[in-house]
């Protein structure tokens, strides 16, 4: 029996479009995705603001709330929760140079409008979590922005969200690069610093995505551990990554099984999920997958996570202590490999 509840976003059932090629599959309707997730064993859906309200830029605040309530009815129909809502700022022409750190006052106001509407949508969907993937909060040209000024602007923007709704929690999803190459919040350590500088650090935490940590040259399990040690790991996005390429969002554990094992191990050992946290998957089907089976990346990721949970349950902590006492880490490494290969 897994201690985890799982979530995924509609974008994980994507049509295969990427920077290097067009769509290869038809996009499934939203309700069909929700039903599929329920059938696969998921408990919640992750949302961008425009996943819930696609044409939100053309609607009033009350119209946005009404559309969000229609989505809530679909979730309720399949007994699914909403994990979080994330303002999708990076896809709008007005946030080409960033949202919270834009050099344009008008574009900044748009970014804040989307952020406040995301909070409204979250309230209608029944979640108090707002995720900020700071996709363009940085720069492609170092001299185009004053980084100290812009980092303060980012913190002030988060403070405005906290003031807008006293129950909302902001979770920052760190990433070192892509689409910009100089991120102002590239790692969990950066997230912890922003949290500490906010008006209410208890309501500002982190989302750790496995691939983003790998892109930063860091170990995902250690990044999770750092956030856990600070009491600020609000969510995880499990996936995998084949080196420092573009953000691949591969199925969890398919590239580095031991790395994946240690991520699950640190979550299990520290009671992750006991306070309602979800294990989120952010994985995309290979473009080679036919439409009718373009869900196996999610099914495989969940199953691999659960199988690694079973390996953690079998982990011999007495033998670990013996190896540590004798400082025989070679023996401990061989034990872990045998556990994963033979179990």
C-alpha atoms as a PDB file:
ATOM      1  CA  UNK A   1       0.000   0.000   0.000  1.00  0.00           C
ATOM      2  CA  UNK A   2       1.595   3.259  -1.122  1.00  0.00           C
ATOM      3  CA  UNK A   3       1.856   6.118   1.371  1.00  0.00           C
ATOM      4  CA  UNK A   4       1.602   8.505  -1.579  1.00  0.00           C
ATOM      5  CA  UNK A   5      -1.274  10.142  -3.427  1.00  0.00           C
ATOM      6  CA  UNK A   6      -0.435  10.967  -7.042  1.00  0.00           C
ATOM      7  CA  UNK A   7      -1.270  13.918  -9.279  1.00  0.00           C
ATOM      8  CA  UNK A   8      -0.649  14.910 -12.891  1.00  0.00           C
ATOM      9  CA  UNK A   9      -1.509  17.837 -15.141  1.00  0.00           C
ATOM     10  CA  UNK A  10      -3.476  17.860 -18.396  1.00  0.00           C
ATOM     11  CA  UNK A  11      -0.250  18.790 -20.215  1.00  0.00           C
ATOM     12  CA  UNK A  12       1.126  15.339 -19.395  1.00  0.00           C
ATOM     13  CA  UNK A  13      -1.309  14.014 -21.998  1.00  0.00           C
ATOM     14  CA  UNK A  14       0.193  16.251 -24.641  1.00  0.00           C
ATOM     15  CA  UNK A  15      -0.025  16.081 -28.407  1.00  0.00           C
ATOM     16  CA  UNK A  16       3.722  15.676 -28.867  1.00  0.00           C
ATOM     17  CA  UNK A  17       4.445  19.208 -30.009  1.00  0.00           C
ATOM     18  CA  UNK A  18       7.938  20.377 -29.062  1.00  0.00           C
ATOM     19  CA  UNK A  19      10.555  22.945 -30.034  1.00  0.00           C
ATOM     20  CA  UNK A  20      11.851  20.547 -32.665  1.00  0.00           C
ATOM     21  CA  UNK A  21       8.644  19.257 -34.210  1.00  0.00           C
ATOM     22  CA  UNK A  22       4.875  19.669 -34.582  1.00  0.00           C
ATOM     23  CA  UNK A  23       2.020  17.777 -32.930  1.00  0.00           C
ATOM     24  CA  UNK A  24       1.800  14.049 -33.674  1.00  0.00           C
ATOM     25  CA  UNK A  25      -1.378  13.184 -31.719  1.00  0.00           C
ATOM     26  CA  UNK A  26      -4.804  14.687 -31.197  1.00  0.00           C
ATOM     27  CA  UNK A  27      -5.238  16.471 -27.865  1.00  0.00           C
ATOM     28  CA  UNK A  28      -7.662  14.620 -25.605  1.00  0.00           C
ATOM     29  CA  UNK A  29     -10.651  16.495 -24.165  1.00  0.00           C
ATOM     30  CA  UNK A  30     -10.219  17.639 -20.561  1.00  0.00           C
ATOM     31  CA  UNK A  31     -12.940  15.452 -19.059  1.00  0.00           C
ATOM     32  CA  UNK A  32     -11.540  12.402 -20.842  1.00  0.00           C
ATOM     33  CA  UNK A  33      -8.154  13.139 -19.250  1.00  0.00           C
ATOM     34  CA  UNK A  34      -9.691  13.458 -15.774  1.00  0.00           C
ATOM     35  CA  UNK A  35     -11.492  10.128 -16.173  1.00  0.00           C
ATOM     36  CA  UNK A  36      -8.311   8.464 -17.446  1.00  0.00           C
ATOM     37  CA  UNK A  37      -6.328   9.787 -14.473  1.00  0.00           C
ATOM     38  CA  UNK A  38      -8.945   8.433 -12.086  1.00  0.00           C
ATOM     39  CA  UNK A  39      -8.839   5.035 -13.815  1.00  0.00           C
ATOM     40  CA  UNK A  40      -5.029   4.990 -13.606  1.00  0.00           C
ATOM     41  CA  UNK A  41      -5.125   5.612  -9.848  1.00  0.00           C
ATOM     42  CA  UNK A  42      -4.415   9.332  -9.587  1.00  0.00           C
ATOM     43  CA  UNK A  43      -6.055  11.393  -6.844  1.00  0.00           C
ATOM     44  CA  UNK A  44      -5.593  14.948  -8.104  1.00  0.00           C
ATOM     45  CA  UNK A  45      -5.093  17.126 -11.154  1.00  0.00           C
ATOM     46  CA  UNK A  46      -2.495  19.876 -11.462  1.00  0.00           C
ATOM     47  CA  UNK A  47      -3.610  23.056 -13.251  1.00  0.00           C
ATOM     48  CA  UNK A  48      -2.233  26.029 -15.052  1.00  0.00           C
ATOM     49  CA  UNK A  49      -4.718  28.867 -14.818  1.00  0.00           C
ATOM     50  CA  UNK A  50      -5.674  28.514 -18.493  1.00  0.00           C
ATOM     51  CA  UNK A  51      -6.041  24.737 -18.191  1.00  0.00           C
ATOM     52  CA  UNK A  52      -9.046  25.563 -16.043  1.00  0.00           C
ATOM     53  CA  UNK A  53     -10.181  28.693 -17.921  1.00  0.00           C
ATOM     54  CA  UNK A  54      -8.655  28.641 -21.434  1.00  0.00           C
ATOM     55  CA  UNK A  55      -9.890  32.067 -22.584  1.00  0.00           C
ATOM     56  CA  UNK A  56      -9.420  33.819 -19.260  1.00  0.00           C
ATOM     57  CA  UNK A  57      -7.774  36.938 -20.746  1.00  0.00           C
ATOM     58  CA  UNK A  58     -11.086  37.780 -22.418  1.00  0.00           C
ATOM     59  CA  UNK A  59     -13.238  37.330 -19.287  1.00  0.00           C
ATOM     60  CA  UNK A  60     -14.123  39.349 -16.222  1.00  0.00           C
ATOM     61  CA  UNK A  61     -13.165  38.128 -12.786  1.00  0.00           C
ATOM     62  CA  UNK A  62     -16.672  36.830 -12.119  1.00  0.00           C
ATOM     63  CA  UNK A  63     -16.786  35.084 -15.495  1.00  0.00           C
ATOM     64  CA  UNK A  64     -13.433  33.423 -14.718  1.00  0.00           C
ATOM     65  CA  UNK A  65     -14.776  32.170 -11.395  1.00  0.00           C
ATOM     66  CA  UNK A  66     -17.898  30.807 -13.092  1.00  0.00           C
ATOM     67  CA  UNK A  67     -15.821  28.883 -15.645  1.00  0.00           C
ATOM     68  CA  UNK A  68     -13.630  27.488 -12.858  1.00  0.00           C
ATOM     69  CA  UNK A  69     -16.734  26.194 -11.082  1.00  0.00           C
ATOM     70  CA  UNK A  70     -17.593  24.172 -14.198  1.00  0.00           C
ATOM     71  CA  UNK A  71     -14.169  22.514 -13.970  1.00  0.00           C
ATOM     72  CA  UNK A  72     -14.732  21.816 -10.274  1.00  0.00           C
ATOM     73  CA  UNK A  73     -17.940  19.999 -11.197  1.00  0.00           C
ATOM     74  CA  UNK A  74     -15.959  17.701 -13.518  1.00  0.00           C
ATOM     75  CA  UNK A  75     -13.420  17.002 -10.764  1.00  0.00           C
ATOM     76  CA  UNK A  76     -16.236  16.225  -8.336  1.00  0.00           C
ATOM     77  CA  UNK A  77     -17.871  13.892 -10.868  1.00  0.00           C
ATOM     78  CA  UNK A  78     -14.774  11.673 -10.798  1.00  0.00           C
ATOM     79  CA  UNK A  79     -13.902  12.258  -7.111  1.00  0.00           C
ATOM     80  CA  UNK A  80     -10.682  14.072  -8.042  1.00  0.00           C
ATOM     81  CA  UNK A  81      -9.043  17.010  -6.279  1.00  0.00           C
ATOM     82  CA  UNK A  82      -7.131  19.979  -7.652  1.00  0.00           C
ATOM     83  CA  UNK A  83      -3.566  20.017  -6.340  1.00  0.00           C
ATOM     84  CA  UNK A  84      -2.577  23.538  -7.366  1.00  0.00           C
ATOM     85  CA  UNK A  85      -3.040  26.328  -9.887  1.00  0.00           C
ATOM     86  CA  UNK A  86      -0.068  27.930 -11.666  1.00  0.00           C
ATOM     87  CA  UNK A  87      -0.283  31.203 -13.619  1.00  0.00           C
ATOM     88  CA  UNK A  88       1.024  30.410 -17.117  1.00  0.00           C
ATOM     89  CA  UNK A  89       2.856  33.682 -17.676  1.00  0.00           C
ATOM     90  CA  UNK A  90       5.524  32.481 -20.094  1.00  0.00           C
ATOM     91  CA  UNK A  91       3.163  31.836 -23.023  1.00  0.00           C
ATOM     92  CA  UNK A  92       1.794  35.373 -23.375  1.00  0.00           C
ATOM     93  CA  UNK A  93       3.499  38.001 -25.579  1.00  0.00           C
ATOM     94  CA  UNK A  94       3.216  40.453 -22.677  1.00  0.00           C
ATOM     95  CA  UNK A  95       5.620  38.339 -20.616  1.00  0.00           C
ATOM     96  CA  UNK A  96       8.290  37.886 -23.281  1.00  0.00           C
ATOM     97  CA  UNK A  97      10.758  39.663 -20.974  1.00  0.00           C
ATOM     98  CA  UNK A  98       9.415  38.060 -17.815  1.00  0.00           C
ATOM     99  CA  UNK A  99       6.363  38.805 -15.725  1.00  0.00           C
ATOM    100  CA  UNK A 100       7.360  39.734 -12.194  1.00  0.00           C
ATOM    101  CA  UNK A 101      10.772  40.908 -13.387  1.00  0.00           C
ATOM    102  CA  UNK A 102       9.699  42.557 -16.636  1.00  0.00           C
ATOM    103  CA  UNK A 103      11.154  45.919 -17.589  1.00  0.00           C
ATOM    104  CA  UNK A 104       7.656  46.981 -18.674  1.00  0.00           C
ATOM    105  CA  UNK A 105       5.321  48.360 -15.982  1.00  0.00           C
ATOM    106  CA  UNK A 106       2.304  47.486 -18.144  1.00  0.00           C
ATOM    107  CA  UNK A 107       3.442  43.899 -18.624  1.00  0.00           C
ATOM    108  CA  UNK A 108       4.123  43.597 -14.895  1.00  0.00           C
ATOM    109  CA  UNK A 109       0.545  44.644 -14.153  1.00  0.00           C
ATOM    110  CA  UNK A 110      -0.689  41.934 -16.525  1.00  0.00           C
ATOM    111  CA  UNK A 111       1.445  39.342 -14.710  1.00  0.00           C
ATOM    112  CA  UNK A 112      -0.040  40.346 -11.380  1.00  0.00           C
ATOM    113  CA  UNK A 113      -3.574  40.293 -12.841  1.00  0.00           C
ATOM    114  CA  UNK A 114      -3.009  36.687 -13.988  1.00  0.00           C
ATOM    115  CA  UNK A 115      -1.567  35.800 -10.591  1.00  0.00           C
ATOM    116  CA  UNK A 116      -4.554  37.179  -8.699  1.00  0.00           C
ATOM    117  CA  UNK A 117      -6.969  35.452 -11.085  1.00  0.00           C
ATOM    118  CA  UNK A 118      -5.037  32.192 -10.520  1.00  0.00           C
ATOM    119  CA  UNK A 119      -5.736  32.584  -6.821  1.00  0.00           C
ATOM    120  CA  UNK A 120      -9.428  33.141  -7.614  1.00  0.00           C
ATOM    121  CA  UNK A 121      -9.424  29.977  -9.747  1.00  0.00           C
ATOM    122  CA  UNK A 122      -7.660  28.017  -7.002  1.00  0.00           C
ATOM    123  CA  UNK A 123     -10.323  29.009  -4.512  1.00  0.00           C
ATOM    124  CA  UNK A 124     -13.073  27.843  -6.865  1.00  0.00           C
ATOM    125  CA  UNK A 125     -11.269  24.526  -7.448  1.00  0.00           C
ATOM    126  CA  UNK A 126     -10.794  23.949  -3.724  1.00  0.00           C
ATOM    127  CA  UNK A 127      -7.023  24.261  -3.393  1.00  0.00           C
ATOM    128  CA  UNK A 128      -4.915  26.795  -1.507  1.00  0.00           C
ATOM    129  CA  UNK A 129      -1.710  26.156  -3.458  1.00  0.00           C
ATOM    130  CA  UNK A 130      -0.314  28.449  -6.147  1.00  0.00           C
ATOM    131  CA  UNK A 131       2.760  27.183  -8.001  1.00  0.00           C
ATOM    132  CA  UNK A 132       5.138  29.664  -9.589  1.00  0.00           C
ATOM    133  CA  UNK A 133       7.356  28.259 -12.302  1.00  0.00           C
ATOM    134  CA  UNK A 134       9.465  31.361 -12.880  1.00  0.00           C
ATOM    135  CA  UNK A 135      10.088  30.486 -16.513  1.00  0.00           C
ATOM    136  CA  UNK A 136      11.184  33.903 -17.758  1.00  0.00           C
ATOM    137  CA  UNK A 137      12.101  35.516 -14.428  1.00  0.00           C
ATOM    138  CA  UNK A 138      15.707  36.180 -15.277  1.00  0.00           C
ATOM    139  CA  UNK A 139      17.326  37.322 -18.479  1.00  0.00           C
ATOM    140  CA  UNK A 140      18.888  36.276 -21.755  1.00  0.00           C
ATOM    141  CA  UNK A 141      21.085  39.394 -21.632  1.00  0.00           C
ATOM    142  CA  UNK A 142      22.771  39.977 -18.287  1.00  0.00           C
ATOM    143  CA  UNK A 143      23.022  43.733 -18.717  1.00  0.00           C
ATOM    144  CA  UNK A 144      19.335  44.197 -19.592  1.00  0.00           C
ATOM    145  CA  UNK A 145      18.183  44.040 -15.967  1.00  0.00           C
ATOM    146  CA  UNK A 146      19.426  45.026 -12.539  1.00  0.00           C
ATOM    147  CA  UNK A 147      19.342  41.606 -10.828  1.00  0.00           C
ATOM    148  CA  UNK A 148      19.201  42.944  -7.269  1.00  0.00           C
ATOM    149  CA  UNK A 149      16.292  45.228  -8.137  1.00  0.00           C
ATOM    150  CA  UNK A 150      14.451  42.443  -9.983  1.00  0.00           C
ATOM    151  CA  UNK A 151      14.896  39.894  -7.193  1.00  0.00           C
ATOM    152  CA  UNK A 152      13.350  42.409  -4.791  1.00  0.00           C
ATOM    153  CA  UNK A 153      10.529  42.879  -7.312  1.00  0.00           C
ATOM    154  CA  UNK A 154       9.965  39.120  -7.381  1.00  0.00           C
ATOM    155  CA  UNK A 155       9.743  39.004  -3.576  1.00  0.00           C
ATOM    156  CA  UNK A 156       7.366  41.975  -3.520  1.00  0.00           C
ATOM    157  CA  UNK A 157       5.174  40.259  -6.111  1.00  0.00           C
ATOM    158  CA  UNK A 158       4.917  37.175  -3.912  1.00  0.00           C
ATOM    159  CA  UNK A 159       4.099  39.397  -0.949  1.00  0.00           C
ATOM    160  CA  UNK A 160       1.245  40.917  -2.952  1.00  0.00           C
ATOM    161  CA  UNK A 161      -0.153  37.423  -3.588  1.00  0.00           C
ATOM    162  CA  UNK A 162       0.096  36.562   0.098  1.00  0.00           C
ATOM    163  CA  UNK A 163      -1.750  39.765   0.957  1.00  0.00           C
ATOM    164  CA  UNK A 164      -4.449  39.133  -1.671  1.00  0.00           C
ATOM    165  CA  UNK A 165      -5.484  35.894   0.044  1.00  0.00           C
ATOM    166  CA  UNK A 166      -4.469  35.097   3.642  1.00  0.00           C
ATOM    167  CA  UNK A 167      -4.969  31.342   3.106  1.00  0.00           C
ATOM    168  CA  UNK A 168      -2.968  30.895  -0.072  1.00  0.00           C
ATOM    169  CA  UNK A 169       0.385  29.110  -0.105  1.00  0.00           C
ATOM    170  CA  UNK A 170       2.919  29.947  -2.812  1.00  0.00           C
ATOM    171  CA  UNK A 171       5.179  27.119  -3.986  1.00  0.00           C
ATOM    172  CA  UNK A 172       8.115  28.068  -6.201  1.00  0.00           C
ATOM    173  CA  UNK A 173       9.298  25.505  -8.746  1.00  0.00           C
ATOM    174  CA  UNK A 174      13.003  26.104  -9.263  1.00  0.00           C
ATOM    175  CA  UNK A 175      14.779  25.657 -12.601  1.00  0.00           C
ATOM    176  CA  UNK A 176      18.242  26.900 -13.569  1.00  0.00           C
ATOM    177  CA  UNK A 177      17.701  27.538 -17.282  1.00  0.00           C
ATOM    178  CA  UNK A 178      15.381  27.129 -20.277  1.00  0.00           C
ATOM    179  CA  UNK A 179      13.725  29.157 -21.595  1.00  0.00           C
ATOM    180  CA  UNK A 180      16.065  31.802 -20.139  1.00  0.00           C
ATOM    181  CA  UNK A 181      19.695  31.082 -19.320  1.00  0.00           C
ATOM    182  CA  UNK A 182      20.077  33.332 -16.254  1.00  0.00           C
ATOM    183  CA  UNK A 183      17.370  32.390 -13.783  1.00  0.00           C
ATOM    184  CA  UNK A 184      16.874  34.422 -10.615  1.00  0.00           C
ATOM    185  CA  UNK A 185      15.580  31.355  -8.746  1.00  0.00           C
ATOM    186  CA  UNK A 186      17.444  28.358 -10.127  1.00  0.00           C
ATOM    187  CA  UNK A 187      17.661  25.936  -7.203  1.00  0.00           C
ATOM    188  CA  UNK A 188      15.910  24.953  -3.985  1.00  0.00           C
ATOM    189  CA  UNK A 189      18.445  27.066  -2.093  1.00  0.00           C
ATOM    190  CA  UNK A 190      17.297  30.133  -4.021  1.00  0.00           C
ATOM    191  CA  UNK A 191      13.678  29.259  -3.219  1.00  0.00           C
ATOM    192  CA  UNK A 192      14.480  29.007   0.492  1.00  0.00           C
ATOM    193  CA  UNK A 193      16.118  32.437   0.409  1.00  0.00           C
ATOM    194  CA  UNK A 194      13.102  34.007  -1.337  1.00  0.00           C
ATOM    195  CA  UNK A 195      10.813  32.333   1.205  1.00  0.00           C
ATOM    196  CA  UNK A 196      12.820  33.690   4.126  1.00  0.00           C
ATOM    197  CA  UNK A 197      12.674  37.192   2.646  1.00  0.00           C
ATOM    198  CA  UNK A 198       8.902  37.120   2.134  1.00  0.00           C
ATOM    199  CA  UNK A 199       6.343  38.665   4.484  1.00  0.00           C
ATOM    200  CA  UNK A 200       5.142  35.209   5.582  1.00  0.00           C
ATOM    201  CA  UNK A 201       7.758  32.476   5.113  1.00  0.00           C
ATOM    202  CA  UNK A 202       5.356  29.880   6.521  1.00  0.00           C
ATOM    203  CA  UNK A 203       3.282  30.281   3.337  1.00  0.00           C
ATOM    204  CA  UNK A 204       6.115  30.213   0.795  1.00  0.00           C
ATOM    205  CA  UNK A 205       7.619  26.843  -0.049  1.00  0.00           C
ATOM    206  CA  UNK A 206       9.025  24.763  -2.864  1.00  0.00           C
ATOM    207  CA  UNK A 207       8.227  22.344  -5.643  1.00  0.00           C
ATOM    208  CA  UNK A 208      11.167  20.135  -6.592  1.00  0.00           C
ATOM    209  CA  UNK A 209      11.224  18.677 -10.095  1.00  0.00           C
ATOM    210  CA  UNK A 210      13.739  15.878 -10.606  1.00  0.00           C
ATOM    211  CA  UNK A 211      14.834  16.978 -14.083  1.00  0.00           C
ATOM    212  CA  UNK A 212      15.297  20.609 -13.041  1.00  0.00           C
ATOM    213  CA  UNK A 213      17.731  19.585 -10.321  1.00  0.00           C
ATOM    214  CA  UNK A 214      19.661  17.425 -12.796  1.00  0.00           C
ATOM    215  CA  UNK A 215      19.837  20.371 -15.220  1.00  0.00           C
ATOM    216  CA  UNK A 216      21.427  22.390 -12.406  1.00  0.00           C
ATOM    217  CA  UNK A 217      24.018  19.633 -11.906  1.00  0.00           C
ATOM    218  CA  UNK A 218      22.461  18.754  -8.551  1.00  0.00           C
ATOM    219  CA  UNK A 219      21.090  15.587  -6.996  1.00  0.00           C
ATOM    220  CA  UNK A 220      17.269  15.633  -6.833  1.00  0.00           C
ATOM    221  CA  UNK A 221      17.154  13.626  -3.605  1.00  0.00           C
ATOM    222  CA  UNK A 222      19.478  16.102  -1.895  1.00  0.00           C
ATOM    223  CA  UNK A 223      17.398  19.025  -3.142  1.00  0.00           C
ATOM    224  CA  UNK A 224      14.293  17.352  -1.710  1.00  0.00           C
ATOM    225  CA  UNK A 225      16.159  16.728   1.541  1.00  0.00           C
ATOM    226  CA  UNK A 226      17.148  20.384   1.807  1.00  0.00           C
ATOM    227  CA  UNK A 227      13.539  21.540   1.418  1.00  0.00           C
ATOM    228  CA  UNK A 228      12.333  18.845   3.821  1.00  0.00           C
ATOM    229  CA  UNK A 229      14.899  19.954   6.404  1.00  0.00           C
ATOM    230  CA  UNK A 230      13.448  23.464   6.181  1.00  0.00           C
ATOM    231  CA  UNK A 231       9.862  22.184   6.348  1.00  0.00           C
ATOM    232  CA  UNK A 232       9.096  23.654   2.925  1.00  0.00           C
ATOM    233  CA  UNK A 233       8.660  20.810   0.432  1.00  0.00           C
ATOM    234  CA  UNK A 234       5.096  21.458  -0.693  1.00  0.00           C
ATOM    235  CA  UNK A 235       5.156  19.232  -3.771  1.00  0.00           C
ATOM    236  CA  UNK A 236       7.419  17.201  -6.016  1.00  0.00           C
ATOM    237  CA  UNK A 237       7.408  16.619  -9.759  1.00  0.00           C
ATOM    238  CA  UNK A 238       8.989  13.259 -10.370  1.00  0.00           C
ATOM    239  CA  UNK A 239      10.488  12.573 -13.785  1.00  0.00           C
ATOM    240  CA  UNK A 240      13.881  11.780 -15.299  1.00  0.00           C
ATOM    241  CA  UNK A 241      16.472  13.408 -17.474  1.00  0.00           C
ATOM    242  CA  UNK A 242      19.260  12.110 -19.727  1.00  0.00           C
ATOM    243  CA  UNK A 243      22.018  14.536 -18.794  1.00  0.00           C
ATOM    244  CA  UNK A 244      22.162  18.299 -19.344  1.00  0.00           C
ATOM    245  CA  UNK A 245      20.033  18.441 -22.464  1.00  0.00           C
ATOM    246  CA  UNK A 246      16.756  20.278 -22.849  1.00  0.00           C
ATOM    247  CA  UNK A 247      14.138  19.562 -20.185  1.00  0.00           C
ATOM    248  CA  UNK A 248      13.019  16.085 -21.273  1.00  0.00           C
ATOM    249  CA  UNK A 249      10.337  15.123 -18.719  1.00  0.00           C
ATOM    250  CA  UNK A 250      11.062  11.431 -19.184  1.00  0.00           C
ATOM    251  CA  UNK A 251       9.234   8.769 -17.194  1.00  0.00           C
ATOM    252  CA  UNK A 252      10.428   8.587 -13.593  1.00  0.00           C
ATOM    253  CA  UNK A 253      13.360   6.258 -13.014  1.00  0.00           C
ATOM    254  CA  UNK A 254      13.967   5.219 -16.620  1.00  0.00           C
ATOM    255  CA  UNK A 255      17.397   6.863 -16.858  1.00  0.00           C
ATOM    256  CA  UNK A 256      18.797   6.599 -13.334  1.00  0.00           C
ATOM    257  CA  UNK A 257      17.115   4.005 -11.160  1.00  0.00           C
ATOM    258  CA  UNK A 258      19.387   4.502  -8.156  1.00  0.00           C
ATOM    259  CA  UNK A 259      18.819   8.240  -8.344  1.00  0.00           C
ATOM    260  CA  UNK A 260      15.078   7.602  -8.401  1.00  0.00           C
ATOM    261  CA  UNK A 261      15.372   5.166  -5.476  1.00  0.00           C
ATOM    262  CA  UNK A 262      17.045   7.805  -3.340  1.00  0.00           C
ATOM    263  CA  UNK A 263      14.310  10.332  -4.163  1.00  0.00           C
ATOM    264  CA  UNK A 264      11.623   7.919  -3.021  1.00  0.00           C
ATOM    265  CA  UNK A 265      13.728   6.930  -0.003  1.00  0.00           C
ATOM    266  CA  UNK A 266      14.096  10.504   1.270  1.00  0.00           C
ATOM    267  CA  UNK A 267      10.360  11.108   0.827  1.00  0.00           C
ATOM    268  CA  UNK A 268       9.378   7.899   2.622  1.00  0.00           C
ATOM    269  CA  UNK A 269      11.842   8.371   5.473  1.00  0.00           C
ATOM    270  CA  UNK A 270      10.615  11.891   6.175  1.00  0.00           C
ATOM    271  CA  UNK A 271       6.895  11.160   6.071  1.00  0.00           C
ATOM    272  CA  UNK A 272       6.214  13.100   2.903  1.00  0.00           C
ATOM    273  CA  UNK A 273       2.520  12.937   2.084  1.00  0.00           C
ATOM    274  CA  UNK A 274       1.292  12.670   5.655  1.00  0.00           C
ATOM    275  CA  UNK A 275       0.221  16.315   5.615  1.00  0.00           C
ATOM    276  CA  UNK A 276      -1.682  15.978   2.362  1.00  0.00           C
ATOM    277  CA  UNK A 277       1.190  16.539  -0.055  1.00  0.00           C
ATOM    278  CA  UNK A 278       0.944  14.847  -3.446  1.00  0.00           C
ATOM    279  CA  UNK A 279       3.573  13.078  -5.490  1.00  0.00           C
ATOM    280  CA  UNK A 280       3.187  14.912  -8.752  1.00  0.00           C
ATOM    281  CA  UNK A 281       4.339  13.487 -12.043  1.00  0.00           C
ATOM    282  CA  UNK A 282       5.528  15.817 -14.782  1.00  0.00           C
ATOM    283  CA  UNK A 283       6.253  13.409 -17.598  1.00  0.00           C
ATOM    284  CA  UNK A 284       5.512  13.496 -21.290  1.00  0.00           C
ATOM    285  CA  UNK A 285       4.855  10.662 -23.700  1.00  0.00           C
ATOM    286  CA  UNK A 286       7.535  10.026 -26.297  1.00  0.00           C
ATOM    287  CA  UNK A 287       6.575  11.514 -29.651  1.00  0.00           C
ATOM    288  CA  UNK A 288       6.769   7.976 -31.054  1.00  0.00           C
ATOM    289  CA  UNK A 289       3.808   6.818 -28.936  1.00  0.00           C
ATOM    290  CA  UNK A 290       0.537   6.194 -30.729  1.00  0.00           C
ATOM    291  CA  UNK A 291      -2.398   8.139 -29.345  1.00  0.00           C
ATOM    292  CA  UNK A 292      -4.230   5.147 -27.896  1.00  0.00           C
ATOM    293  CA  UNK A 293      -1.280   4.221 -25.636  1.00  0.00           C
ATOM    294  CA  UNK A 294       0.045   7.723 -24.946  1.00  0.00           C
ATOM    295  CA  UNK A 295      -0.651   7.313 -21.231  1.00  0.00           C
ATOM    296  CA  UNK A 296       1.920   4.618 -20.435  1.00  0.00           C
ATOM    297  CA  UNK A 297       4.520   7.202 -19.389  1.00  0.00           C
ATOM    298  CA  UNK A 298       2.235   8.144 -16.495  1.00  0.00           C
ATOM    299  CA  UNK A 299       1.323   4.565 -15.648  1.00  0.00           C
ATOM    300  CA  UNK A 300       4.987   3.520 -15.752  1.00  0.00           C
ATOM    301  CA  UNK A 301       6.123   6.447 -13.617  1.00  0.00           C
ATOM    302  CA  UNK A 302       3.563   5.706 -10.916  1.00  0.00           C
ATOM    303  CA  UNK A 303       4.369   1.991 -10.937  1.00  0.00           C
ATOM    304  CA  UNK A 304       8.117   2.604 -10.757  1.00  0.00           C
ATOM    305  CA  UNK A 305       7.588   4.942  -7.796  1.00  0.00           C
ATOM    306  CA  UNK A 306       5.506   2.309  -6.013  1.00  0.00           C
ATOM    307  CA  UNK A 307       8.038  -0.444  -6.745  1.00  0.00           C
ATOM    308  CA  UNK A 308      10.790   1.744  -5.326  1.00  0.00           C
ATOM    309  CA  UNK A 309       8.642   2.309  -2.235  1.00  0.00           C
ATOM    310  CA  UNK A 310       8.670  -1.469  -1.789  1.00  0.00           C
ATOM    311  CA  UNK A 311      12.472  -1.453  -2.105  1.00  0.00           C
ATOM    312  CA  UNK A 312      12.691   1.237   0.580  1.00  0.00           C
ATOM    313  CA  UNK A 313      10.481  -0.907   2.835  1.00  0.00           C
ATOM    314  CA  UNK A 314      13.019  -3.742   2.451  1.00  0.00           C
ATOM    315  CA  UNK A 315      16.025  -1.518   3.119  1.00  0.00           C
ATOM    316  CA  UNK A 316      18.168  -3.016   5.897  1.00  0.00           C
ATOM    317  CA  UNK A 317      18.907  -0.108   8.215  1.00  0.00           C
ATOM    318  CA  UNK A 318      20.827  -2.343  10.636  1.00  0.00           C
ATOM    319  CA  UNK A 319      23.203  -3.364   7.857  1.00  0.00           C
ATOM    320  CA  UNK A 320      23.465   0.276   6.827  1.00  0.00           C
ATOM    321  CA  UNK A 321      24.444   1.196  10.408  1.00  0.00           C
ATOM    322  CA  UNK A 322      27.041  -1.594  10.435  1.00  0.00           C
ATOM    323  CA  UNK A 323      28.584  -0.334   7.187  1.00  0.00           C
ATOM    324  CA  UNK A 324      28.601   3.230   8.492  1.00  0.00           C
ATOM    325  CA  UNK A 325      30.217   2.183  11.776  1.00  0.00           C
ATOM    326  CA  UNK A 326      32.930   0.314   9.882  1.00  0.00           C
ATOM    327  CA  UNK A 327      33.112   3.085   7.264  1.00  0.00           C
ATOM    328  CA  UNK A 328      32.713   0.411   4.628  1.00  0.00           C
ATOM    329  CA  UNK A 329      30.792   2.427   2.073  1.00  0.00           C
ATOM    330  CA  UNK A 330      31.793   0.096  -0.747  1.00  0.00           C
ATOM    331  CA  UNK A 331      29.805  -2.656   0.962  1.00  0.00           C
ATOM    332  CA  UNK A 332      26.867  -0.314   1.424  1.00  0.00           C
ATOM    333  CA  UNK A 333      26.939   0.655  -2.255  1.00  0.00           C
ATOM    334  CA  UNK A 334      26.950  -2.995  -3.302  1.00  0.00           C
ATOM    335  CA  UNK A 335      24.047  -3.684  -0.962  1.00  0.00           C
ATOM    336  CA  UNK A 336      21.977  -0.926  -2.566  1.00  0.00           C
ATOM    337  CA  UNK A 337      22.733  -2.216  -6.065  1.00  0.00           C
ATOM    338  CA  UNK A 338      21.814  -5.777  -5.059  1.00  0.00           C
ATOM    339  CA  UNK A 339      18.616  -4.491  -3.459  1.00  0.00           C
ATOM    340  CA  UNK A 340      17.635  -2.771  -6.687  1.00  0.00           C
ATOM    341  CA  UNK A 341      18.677  -5.615  -8.993  1.00  0.00           C
ATOM    342  CA  UNK A 342      17.609  -8.612  -6.926  1.00  0.00           C
ATOM    343  CA  UNK A 343      15.470  -7.229  -4.103  1.00  0.00           C
END
